[in-house]
Each structure stands twice: as C-alpha cells, then as structure tokens.
Amino acid sequence: MKHAPAPAQESDPLAQLKAWVGFGMAEAANVEAANGRTVDAMGIMERCEARDAAAVRKVARRKILGLF
C-alpha cells in the first residue's frame, strides 16, 4: 500500500497545520486497511489449521488391516 504524499510546505502556519492533519488522516486510513488484511490472513490461517487438524484426526483413526 502506498503512503500518503507528504504535505507541501505552506507559508501560512494554519494551512501547514491543516496539510499535516490531512496527511495524518490519510496515513491512519492506510493503517486501518492494512490491519483489515491482517485479520483476513489470520482467518485464513485458522481455517487451514482446522482443516489440517481434522485430516490428521481422520488418518489417526484408520485401522491397520482392520485389526488395530
């Protein structure tokens, strides 16, 4: 994800402050989007681990030649 562009240098201090506030808000939105992808990735990993654990349990229950 691309970073927000740095604010341009302003001669008016209030305009400079507004530019930096806008920059901070844009960067915060990027962090929220990145955190959303992290939550998605963790959900995928949890589902994969559950699927793998179920497969291991299924294989562990098989009997060898029907005797054990």
C-alpha atoms as a PDB file:
ATOM      1  CA  MET A   1       0.000   0.000   0.000  1.00  0.00           C
ATOM      2  CA  LYS A   2       1.312   3.409  -0.902  1.00  0.00           C
ATOM      3  CA  HIS A   3       1.914   6.043   1.718  1.00  0.00           C
ATOM      4  CA  ALA A   4       0.081   9.327   1.615  1.00  0.00           C
ATOM      5  CA  PRO A   5       2.096  12.078  -0.041  1.00  0.00           C
ATOM      6  CA  ALA A   6       3.922  14.357   2.359  1.00  0.00           C
ATOM      7  CA  PRO A   7       2.300  17.769   2.679  1.00  0.00           C
ATOM      8  CA  ALA A   8       3.769  20.629   0.712  1.00  0.00           C
ATOM      9  CA  GLN A   9       5.469  23.477   2.516  1.00  0.00           C
ATOM     10  CA  GLU A  10       2.953  26.258   3.165  1.00  0.00           C
ATOM     11  CA  SER A  11       3.755  29.870   4.071  1.00  0.00           C
ATOM     12  CA  ASP A  12       0.668  30.137   6.283  1.00  0.00           C
ATOM     13  CA  PRO A  13       1.100  28.193   9.571  1.00  0.00           C
ATOM     14  CA  LEU A  14      -2.608  27.322   9.713  1.00  0.00           C
ATOM     15  CA  ALA A  15      -2.535  25.971   6.168  1.00  0.00           C
ATOM     16  CA  GLN A  16       0.584  23.959   7.071  1.00  0.00           C
ATOM     17  CA  LEU A  17      -1.165  22.522  10.113  1.00  0.00           C
ATOM     18  CA  LYS A  18      -4.195  21.576   8.029  1.00  0.00           C
ATOM     19  CA  ALA A  19      -1.928  19.890   5.483  1.00  0.00           C
ATOM     20  CA  TRP A  20      -0.240  17.815   8.203  1.00  0.00           C
ATOM     21  CA  VAL A  21      -3.591  16.868   9.732  1.00  0.00           C
ATOM     22  CA  GLY A  22      -4.758  15.709   6.309  1.00  0.00           C
ATOM     23  CA  PHE A  23      -1.560  13.709   5.911  1.00  0.00           C
ATOM     24  CA  GLY A  24      -2.059  12.067   9.299  1.00  0.00           C
ATOM     25  CA  MET A  25      -5.640  11.148   8.484  1.00  0.00           C
ATOM     26  CA  ALA A  26      -4.606   9.600   5.168  1.00  0.00           C
ATOM     27  CA  GLU A  27      -1.866   7.570   6.853  1.00  0.00           C
ATOM     28  CA  ALA A  28      -4.296   6.393   9.546  1.00  0.00           C
ATOM     29  CA  ALA A  29      -6.655   5.148   6.843  1.00  0.00           C
ATOM     30  CA  ASN A  30      -3.776   3.163   5.342  1.00  0.00           C
ATOM     31  CA  VAL A  31      -3.092   1.534   8.716  1.00  0.00           C
ATOM     32  CA  GLU A  32      -6.748   0.552   9.099  1.00  0.00           C
ATOM     33  CA  ALA A  33      -6.756  -1.026   5.625  1.00  0.00           C
ATOM     34  CA  ALA A  34      -3.545  -2.932   6.404  1.00  0.00           C
ATOM     35  CA  ASN A  35      -4.956  -4.160   9.709  1.00  0.00           C
ATOM     36  CA  GLY A  36      -8.036  -5.403   7.862  1.00  0.00           C
ATOM     37  CA  ARG A  37      -5.822  -7.514   5.618  1.00  0.00           C
ATOM     38  CA  THR A  38      -4.059  -8.901   8.690  1.00  0.00           C
ATOM     39  CA  VAL A  39      -7.384 -10.005  10.175  1.00  0.00           C
ATOM     40  CA  ASP A  40      -8.297 -11.648   6.862  1.00  0.00           C
ATOM     41  CA  ALA A  41      -4.985 -13.508   6.714  1.00  0.00           C
ATOM     42  CA  MET A  42      -5.361 -14.717  10.299  1.00  0.00           C
ATOM     43  CA  GLY A  43      -8.849 -16.045   9.485  1.00  0.00           C
ATOM     44  CA  ILE A  44      -7.481 -17.958   6.510  1.00  0.00           C
ATOM     45  CA  MET A  45      -4.717 -19.454   8.661  1.00  0.00           C
ATOM     46  CA  GLU A  46      -7.198 -20.524  11.350  1.00  0.00           C
ATOM     47  CA  ARG A  47      -9.398 -22.270   8.776  1.00  0.00           C
ATOM     48  CA  CYS A  48      -6.383 -24.008   7.215  1.00  0.00           C
ATOM     49  CA  GLU A  49      -5.139 -25.192  10.604  1.00  0.00           C
ATOM     50  CA  ALA A  50      -8.592 -26.532  11.497  1.00  0.00           C
ATOM     51  CA  ARG A  51      -8.788 -28.374   8.165  1.00  0.00           C
ATOM     52  CA  ASP A  52      -5.319 -29.852   8.688  1.00  0.00           C
ATOM     53  CA  ALA A  53      -6.136 -30.940  12.248  1.00  0.00           C
ATOM     54  CA  ALA A  54      -9.311 -32.668  11.027  1.00  0.00           C
ATOM     55  CA  ALA A  55      -7.317 -34.504   8.353  1.00  0.00           C
ATOM     56  CA  VAL A  56      -4.777 -35.689  10.941  1.00  0.00           C
ATOM     57  CA  ARG A  57      -7.572 -36.939  13.238  1.00  0.00           C
ATOM     58  CA  LYS A  58      -9.178 -38.786  10.340  1.00  0.00           C
ATOM     59  CA  VAL A  59      -5.915 -40.519   9.401  1.00  0.00           C
ATOM     60  CA  ALA A  60      -5.126 -41.356  13.045  1.00  0.00           C
ATOM     61  CA  ARG A  61      -8.440 -43.276  13.380  1.00  0.00           C
ATOM     62  CA  ARG A  62      -7.729 -45.659  10.486  1.00  0.00           C
ATOM     63  CA  LYS A  63      -7.075 -49.252  11.468  1.00  0.00           C
ATOM     64  CA  ILE A  64      -4.163 -51.167  10.043  1.00  0.00           C
ATOM     65  CA  LEU A  65      -5.552 -54.111   8.064  1.00  0.00           C
ATOM     66  CA  GLY A  66      -8.751 -53.727  10.078  1.00  0.00           C
ATOM     67  CA  LEU A  67      -7.059 -55.172  13.192  1.00  0.00           C
ATOM     68  CA  PHE A  68      -5.814 -52.224  15.172  1.00  0.00           C
END
